[in-house]
């Protein structure tokens, strides 16, 4: 994700039942299955992603938007 602030502006108020969100979730699950991840591993992945999101949200609150970035694992 190049610019988390831009992403947040573009997706503000997005409905989780949106077709795009469902398609993205299905793509993620398919990738997990391709990698032969167990349900426990998938849960761990989601928890890790949730932590990354929390960090990005904190960074957005604490820093000027132009400075915030998300670094890859």
PDB file of N, CA and C in Angstrom:
ATOM      1  N   UNK A   1       0.861  -1.156   0.000  1.00  0.00           N
ATOM      2  CA  UNK A   1       0.000   0.000   0.000  1.00  0.00           C
ATOM      3  C   UNK A   1       0.908   1.218   0.000  1.00  0.00           C
ATOM      4  N   UNK A   2       0.841   1.973  -1.061  1.00  0.00           N
ATOM      5  CA  UNK A   2       1.708   3.127  -1.216  1.00  0.00           C
ATOM      6  C   UNK A   2       1.423   4.230  -0.200  1.00  0.00           C
ATOM      7  N   UNK A   3       0.165   4.632  -0.094  1.00  0.00           N
ATOM      8  CA  UNK A   3      -0.189   5.755   0.761  1.00  0.00           C
ATOM      9  C   UNK A   3      -1.425   5.401   1.588  1.00  0.00           C
ATOM     10  N   UNK A   4      -1.231   5.004   2.851  1.00  0.00           N
ATOM     11  CA  UNK A   4      -2.368   4.596   3.662  1.00  0.00           C
ATOM     12  C   UNK A   4      -3.413   5.691   3.846  1.00  0.00           C
ATOM     13  N   UNK A   5      -2.991   6.939   3.888  1.00  0.00           N
ATOM     14  CA  UNK A   5      -3.943   8.036   4.056  1.00  0.00           C
ATOM     15  C   UNK A   5      -4.872   8.114   2.844  1.00  0.00           C
ATOM     16  N   UNK A   6      -4.322   7.962   1.652  1.00  0.00           N
ATOM     17  CA  UNK A   6      -5.120   7.984   0.430  1.00  0.00           C
ATOM     18  C   UNK A   6      -6.094   6.804   0.431  1.00  0.00           C
ATOM     19  N   UNK A   7      -5.614   5.625   0.843  1.00  0.00           N
ATOM     20  CA  UNK A   7      -6.466   4.446   0.935  1.00  0.00           C
ATOM     21  C   UNK A   7      -7.633   4.699   1.880  1.00  0.00           C
ATOM     22  N   UNK A   8      -7.340   5.289   3.037  1.00  0.00           N
ATOM     23  CA  UNK A   8      -8.383   5.551   4.025  1.00  0.00           C
ATOM     24  C   UNK A   8      -9.425   6.516   3.454  1.00  0.00           C
ATOM     25  N   UNK A   9      -8.980   7.554   2.734  1.00  0.00           N
ATOM     26  CA  UNK A   9      -9.921   8.516   2.150  1.00  0.00           C
ATOM     27  C   UNK A   9     -10.790   7.847   1.088  1.00  0.00           C
ATOM     28  N   UNK A  10     -10.170   7.017   0.248  1.00  0.00           N
ATOM     29  CA  UNK A  10     -10.898   6.382  -0.847  1.00  0.00           C
ATOM     30  C   UNK A  10     -11.916   5.366  -0.348  1.00  0.00           C
ATOM     31  N   UNK A  11     -11.641   4.720   0.773  1.00  0.00           N
ATOM     32  CA  UNK A  11     -12.481   3.626   1.245  1.00  0.00           C
ATOM     33  C   UNK A  11     -13.274   3.967   2.495  1.00  0.00           C
ATOM     34  N   UNK A  12     -13.356   5.241   2.816  1.00  0.00           N
ATOM     35  CA  UNK A  12     -14.099   5.662   3.998  1.00  0.00           C
ATOM     36  C   UNK A  12     -15.566   5.262   3.848  1.00  0.00           C
ATOM     37  N   UNK A  13     -16.078   4.562   4.849  1.00  0.00           N
ATOM     38  CA  UNK A  13     -17.468   4.174   4.837  1.00  0.00           C
ATOM     39  C   UNK A  13     -17.800   3.004   3.938  1.00  0.00           C
ATOM     40  N   UNK A  14     -16.797   2.257   3.488  1.00  0.00           N
ATOM     41  CA  UNK A  14     -17.057   1.117   2.612  1.00  0.00           C
ATOM     42  C   UNK A  14     -17.829   0.052   3.363  1.00  0.00           C
ATOM     43  N   UNK A  15     -18.820  -0.509   2.709  1.00  0.00           N
ATOM     44  CA  UNK A  15     -19.657  -1.545   3.292  1.00  0.00           C
ATOM     45  C   UNK A  15     -18.938  -2.886   3.201  1.00  0.00           C
ATOM     46  N   UNK A  16     -18.832  -3.584   4.337  1.00  0.00           N
ATOM     47  CA  UNK A  16     -18.146  -4.876   4.347  1.00  0.00           C
ATOM     48  C   UNK A  16     -18.887  -5.923   3.520  1.00  0.00           C
ATOM     49  N   UNK A  17     -20.132  -5.674   3.143  1.00  0.00           N
ATOM     50  CA  UNK A  17     -20.868  -6.595   2.283  1.00  0.00           C
ATOM     51  C   UNK A  17     -20.689  -6.258   0.808  1.00  0.00           C
ATOM     52  N   UNK A  18     -19.881  -5.266   0.532  1.00  0.00           N
ATOM     53  CA  UNK A  18     -19.580  -4.843  -0.824  1.00  0.00           C
ATOM     54  C   UNK A  18     -18.991  -6.023  -1.604  1.00  0.00           C
ATOM     55  N   UNK A  19     -19.354  -6.148  -2.879  1.00  0.00           N
ATOM     56  CA  UNK A  19     -18.841  -7.238  -3.728  1.00  0.00           C
ATOM     57  C   UNK A  19     -17.314  -7.240  -3.774  1.00  0.00           C
ATOM     58  N   UNK A  20     -16.715  -6.052  -3.813  1.00  0.00           N
ATOM     59  CA  UNK A  20     -15.262  -5.950  -3.880  1.00  0.00           C
ATOM     60  C   UNK A  20     -14.616  -6.519  -2.620  1.00  0.00           C
ATOM     61  N   UNK A  21     -15.203  -6.221  -1.465  1.00  0.00           N
ATOM     62  CA  UNK A  21     -14.658  -6.728  -0.204  1.00  0.00           C
ATOM     63  C   UNK A  21     -14.788  -8.245  -0.139  1.00  0.00           C
ATOM     64  N   UNK A  22     -15.922  -8.762  -0.571  1.00  0.00           N
ATOM     65  CA  UNK A  22     -16.120 -10.212  -0.578  1.00  0.00           C
ATOM     66  C   UNK A  22     -15.131 -10.880  -1.525  1.00  0.00           C
ATOM     67  N   UNK A  23     -14.911 -10.273  -2.682  1.00  0.00           N
ATOM     68  CA  UNK A  23     -13.974 -10.841  -3.649  1.00  0.00           C
ATOM     69  C   UNK A  23     -12.555 -10.844  -3.088  1.00  0.00           C
ATOM     70  N   UNK A  24     -12.182  -9.766  -2.413  1.00  0.00           N
ATOM     71  CA  UNK A  24     -10.850  -9.695  -1.811  1.00  0.00           C
ATOM     72  C   UNK A  24     -10.684 -10.765  -0.733  1.00  0.00           C
ATOM     73  N   UNK A  25     -11.701 -10.928   0.112  1.00  0.00           N
ATOM     74  CA  UNK A  25     -11.644 -11.957   1.154  1.00  0.00           C
ATOM     75  C   UNK A  25     -11.511 -13.345   0.536  1.00  0.00           C
ATOM     76  N   UNK A  26     -12.260 -13.596  -0.527  1.00  0.00           N
ATOM     77  CA  UNK A  26     -12.167 -14.895  -1.200  1.00  0.00           C
ATOM     78  C   UNK A  26     -10.789 -15.109  -1.813  1.00  0.00           C
ATOM     79  N   UNK A  27     -10.212 -14.058  -2.384  1.00  0.00           N
ATOM     80  CA  UNK A  27      -8.858 -14.159  -2.947  1.00  0.00           C
ATOM     81  C   UNK A  27      -7.832 -14.495  -1.872  1.00  0.00           C
ATOM     82  N   UNK A  28      -7.968 -13.847  -0.711  1.00  0.00           N
ATOM     83  CA  UNK A  28      -7.041 -14.108   0.391  1.00  0.00           C
ATOM     84  C   UNK A  28      -7.175 -15.553   0.859  1.00  0.00           C
ATOM     85  N   UNK A  29      -8.408 -16.020   1.016  1.00  0.00           N
ATOM     86  CA  UNK A  29      -8.624 -17.412   1.431  1.00  0.00           C
ATOM     87  C   UNK A  29      -8.070 -18.395   0.406  1.00  0.00           C
ATOM     88  N   UNK A  30      -8.258 -18.097  -0.880  1.00  0.00           N
ATOM     89  CA  UNK A  30      -7.728 -18.968  -1.932  1.00  0.00           C
ATOM     90  C   UNK A  30      -6.205 -19.031  -1.861  1.00  0.00           C
ATOM     91  N   UNK A  31      -5.556 -17.878  -1.643  1.00  0.00           N
ATOM     92  CA  UNK A  31      -4.094 -17.854  -1.512  1.00  0.00           C
ATOM     93  C   UNK A  31      -3.638 -18.687  -0.314  1.00  0.00           C
ATOM     94  N   UNK A  32      -4.380 -18.566   0.794  1.00  0.00           N
ATOM     95  CA  UNK A  32      -4.047 -19.350   1.988  1.00  0.00           C
ATOM     96  C   UNK A  32      -4.153 -20.840   1.689  1.00  0.00           C
ATOM     97  N   UNK A  33      -5.186 -21.231   0.952  1.00  0.00           N
ATOM     98  CA  UNK A  33      -5.360 -22.631   0.600  1.00  0.00           C
ATOM     99  C   UNK A  33      -4.267 -23.102  -0.345  1.00  0.00           C
ATOM    100  N   UNK A  34      -3.862 -22.252  -1.301  1.00  0.00           N
ATOM    101  CA  UNK A  34      -2.764 -22.594  -2.208  1.00  0.00           C
ATOM    102  C   UNK A  34      -1.479 -22.849  -1.427  1.00  0.00           C
ATOM    103  N   UNK A  35      -1.289 -22.080  -0.364  1.00  0.00           N
ATOM    104  CA  UNK A  35      -0.097 -22.228   0.480  1.00  0.00           C
ATOM    105  C   UNK A  35      -0.258 -23.364   1.495  1.00  0.00           C
ATOM    106  N   UNK A  36      -1.423 -24.017   1.461  1.00  0.00           N
ATOM    107  CA  UNK A  36      -1.752 -25.126   2.357  1.00  0.00           C
ATOM    108  C   UNK A  36      -1.653 -24.727   3.835  1.00  0.00           C
ATOM    109  N   UNK A  37      -2.137 -23.519   4.130  1.00  0.00           N
ATOM    110  CA  UNK A  37      -2.156 -23.063   5.515  1.00  0.00           C
ATOM    111  C   UNK A  37      -3.294 -23.751   6.269  1.00  0.00           C
ATOM    112  N   UNK A  38      -3.039 -24.086   7.509  1.00  0.00           N
ATOM    113  CA  UNK A  38      -4.089 -24.634   8.364  1.00  0.00           C
ATOM    114  C   UNK A  38      -4.982 -23.483   8.819  1.00  0.00           C
ATOM    115  N   UNK A  39      -6.121 -23.826   9.415  1.00  0.00           N
ATOM    116  CA  UNK A  39      -7.000 -22.779   9.934  1.00  0.00           C
ATOM    117  C   UNK A  39      -6.301 -21.984  11.036  1.00  0.00           C
ATOM    118  N   UNK A  40      -5.498 -22.659  11.820  1.00  0.00           N
ATOM    119  CA  UNK A  40      -4.743 -21.974  12.875  1.00  0.00           C
ATOM    120  C   UNK A  40      -3.754 -20.985  12.263  1.00  0.00           C
ATOM    121  N   UNK A  41      -3.089 -21.374  11.194  1.00  0.00           N
ATOM    122  CA  UNK A  41      -2.144 -20.473  10.517  1.00  0.00           C
ATOM    123  C   UNK A  41      -2.874 -19.301   9.871  1.00  0.00           C
ATOM    124  N   UNK A  42      -4.052 -19.565   9.294  1.00  0.00           N
ATOM    125  CA  UNK A  42      -4.836 -18.475   8.704  1.00  0.00           C
ATOM    126  C   UNK A  42      -5.266 -17.492   9.787  1.00  0.00           C
ATOM    127  N   UNK A  43      -5.687 -18.009  10.937  1.00  0.00           N
ATOM    128  CA  UNK A  43      -6.078 -17.142  12.044  1.00  0.00           C
ATOM    129  C   UNK A  43      -4.885 -16.294  12.492  1.00  0.00           C
ATOM    130  N   UNK A  44      -3.707 -16.902  12.580  1.00  0.00           N
ATOM    131  CA  UNK A  44      -2.502 -16.176  12.966  1.00  0.00           C
ATOM    132  C   UNK A  44      -2.200 -15.069  11.955  1.00  0.00           C
ATOM    133  N   UNK A  45      -2.348 -15.378  10.672  1.00  0.00           N
ATOM    134  CA  UNK A  45      -2.128 -14.377   9.622  1.00  0.00           C
ATOM    135  C   UNK A  45      -3.078 -13.195   9.792  1.00  0.00           C
ATOM    136  N   UNK A  46      -4.340 -13.480  10.031  1.00  0.00           N
ATOM    137  CA  UNK A  46      -5.328 -12.409  10.202  1.00  0.00           C
ATOM    138  C   UNK A  46      -5.007 -11.570  11.432  1.00  0.00           C
ATOM    139  N   UNK A  47      -4.576 -12.214  12.502  1.00  0.00           N
ATOM    140  CA  UNK A  47      -4.201 -11.476  13.717  1.00  0.00           C
ATOM    141  C   UNK A  47      -2.995 -10.584  13.437  1.00  0.00           C
ATOM    142  N   UNK A  48      -2.021 -11.105  12.683  1.00  0.00           N
ATOM    143  CA  UNK A  48      -0.846 -10.298  12.337  1.00  0.00           C
ATOM    144  C   UNK A  48      -1.247  -9.100  11.483  1.00  0.00           C
ATOM    145  N   UNK A  49      -2.126  -9.325  10.512  1.00  0.00           N
ATOM    146  CA  UNK A  49      -2.592  -8.224   9.661  1.00  0.00           C
ATOM    147  C   UNK A  49      -3.366  -7.193  10.472  1.00  0.00           C
ATOM    148  N   UNK A  50      -4.143  -7.661  11.417  1.00  0.00           N
ATOM    149  CA  UNK A  50      -4.880  -6.748  12.289  1.00  0.00           C
ATOM    150  C   UNK A  50      -3.915  -5.875  13.090  1.00  0.00           C
ATOM    151  N   UNK A  51      -2.844  -6.476  13.569  1.00  0.00           N
ATOM    152  CA  UNK A  51      -1.824  -5.709  14.292  1.00  0.00           C
ATOM    153  C   UNK A  51      -1.170  -4.667  13.411  1.00  0.00           C
ATOM    154  N   UNK A  52      -0.896  -5.041  12.158  1.00  0.00           N
ATOM    155  CA  UNK A  52      -0.302  -4.080  11.219  1.00  0.00           C
ATOM    156  C   UNK A  52      -1.255  -2.924  10.949  1.00  0.00           C
ATOM    157  N   UNK A  53      -2.539  -3.242  10.808  1.00  0.00           N
ATOM    158  CA  UNK A  53      -3.539  -2.193  10.596  1.00  0.00           C
ATOM    159  C   UNK A  53      -3.594  -1.256  11.785  1.00  0.00           C
ATOM    160  N   UNK A  54      -3.567  -1.817  12.991  1.00  0.00           N
ATOM    161  CA  UNK A  54      -3.588  -1.000  14.205  1.00  0.00           C
ATOM    162  C   UNK A  54      -2.374  -0.072  14.251  1.00  0.00           C
ATOM    163  N   UNK A  55      -1.206  -0.591  13.871  1.00  0.00           N
ATOM    164  CA  UNK A  55       0.006   0.229  13.839  1.00  0.00           C
ATOM    165  C   UNK A  55      -0.121   1.367  12.834  1.00  0.00           C
ATOM    166  N   UNK A  56      -0.678   1.051  11.664  1.00  0.00           N
ATOM    167  CA  UNK A  56      -0.856   2.082  10.632  1.00  0.00           C
ATOM    168  C   UNK A  56      -1.839   3.153  11.103  1.00  0.00           C
ATOM    169  N   UNK A  57      -2.912   2.734  11.772  1.00  0.00           N
ATOM    170  CA  UNK A  57      -3.884   3.702  12.272  1.00  0.00           C
ATOM    171  C   UNK A  57      -3.259   4.601  13.335  1.00  0.00           C
ATOM    172  N   UNK A  58      -2.453   4.023  14.193  1.00  0.00           N
ATOM    173  CA  UNK A  58      -1.764   4.809  15.215  1.00  0.00           C
ATOM    174  C   UNK A  58      -0.814   5.805  14.559  1.00  0.00           C
ATOM    175  N   UNK A  59      -0.081   5.344  13.553  1.00  0.00           N
ATOM    176  CA  UNK A  59       0.851   6.217  12.843  1.00  0.00           C
ATOM    177  C   UNK A  59       0.105   7.367  12.167  1.00  0.00           C
ATOM    178  N   UNK A  60      -1.049   7.068  11.601  1.00  0.00           N
ATOM    179  CA  UNK A  60      -1.834   8.122  10.954  1.00  0.00           C
ATOM    180  C   UNK A  60      -2.290   9.171  11.952  1.00  0.00           C
ATOM    181  N   UNK A  61      -2.614   8.740  13.157  1.00  0.00           N
ATOM    182  CA  UNK A  61      -3.060   9.689  14.187  1.00  0.00           C
ATOM    183  C   UNK A  61      -1.895  10.522  14.715  1.00  0.00           C
ATOM    184  N   UNK A  62      -0.713   9.918  14.787  1.00  0.00           N
ATOM    185  CA  UNK A  62       0.422  10.566  15.440  1.00  0.00           C
ATOM    186  C   UNK A  62       1.316  11.393  14.515  1.00  0.00           C
ATOM    187  N   UNK A  63       1.289  11.121  13.218  1.00  0.00           N
ATOM    188  CA  UNK A  63       2.204  11.793  12.288  1.00  0.00           C
ATOM    189  C   UNK A  63       1.429  12.539  11.210  1.00  0.00           C
ATOM    190  N   UNK A  64       2.093  13.516  10.595  1.00  0.00           N
ATOM    191  CA  UNK A  64       1.462  14.159   9.435  1.00  0.00           C
ATOM    192  C   UNK A  64       1.207  13.108   8.355  1.00  0.00           C
ATOM    193  N   UNK A  65       0.102  13.195   7.681  1.00  0.00           N
ATOM    194  CA  UNK A  65      -0.288  12.191   6.687  1.00  0.00           C
ATOM    195  C   UNK A  65       0.796  11.967   5.637  1.00  0.00           C
ATOM    196  N   UNK A  66       1.504  12.990   5.220  1.00  0.00           N
ATOM    197  CA  UNK A  66       2.510  12.855   4.168  1.00  0.00           C
ATOM    198  C   UNK A  66       3.703  12.008   4.614  1.00  0.00           C
ATOM    199  N   UNK A  67       3.881  11.797   5.910  1.00  0.00           N
ATOM    200  CA  UNK A  67       5.038  11.054   6.422  1.00  0.00           C
ATOM    201  C   UNK A  67       4.739   9.582   6.622  1.00  0.00           C
ATOM    202  N   UNK A  68       3.474   9.219   6.796  1.00  0.00           N
ATOM    203  CA  UNK A  68       3.091   7.851   7.167  1.00  0.00           C
ATOM    204  C   UNK A  68       3.273   6.902   5.997  1.00  0.00           C
ATOM    205  N   UNK A  69       3.822   5.740   6.304  1.00  0.00           N
ATOM    206  CA  UNK A  69       3.963   4.672   5.317  1.00  0.00           C
ATOM    207  C   UNK A  69       3.888   3.331   5.994  1.00  0.00           C
ATOM    208  N   UNK A  70       3.542   2.299   5.252  1.00  0.00           N
ATOM    209  CA  UNK A  70       3.496   0.945   5.803  1.00  0.00           C
ATOM    210  C   UNK A  70       4.653   0.172   5.177  1.00  0.00           C
ATOM    211  N   UNK A  71       5.498  -0.382   6.015  1.00  0.00           N
ATOM    212  CA  UNK A  71       6.624  -1.141   5.508  1.00  0.00           C
ATOM    213  C   UNK A  71       6.258  -2.609   5.404  1.00  0.00           C
ATOM    214  N   UNK A  72       6.769  -3.310   4.395  1.00  0.00           N
ATOM    215  CA  UNK A  72       6.468  -4.723   4.254  1.00  0.00           C
ATOM    216  C   UNK A  72       7.111  -5.549   5.360  1.00  0.00           C
ATOM    217  N   UNK A  73       6.605  -6.759   5.563  1.00  0.00           N
ATOM    218  CA  UNK A  73       7.170  -7.654   6.581  1.00  0.00           C
ATOM    219  C   UNK A  73       8.594  -7.981   6.237  1.00  0.00           C
TER     220      UNK A  73
END
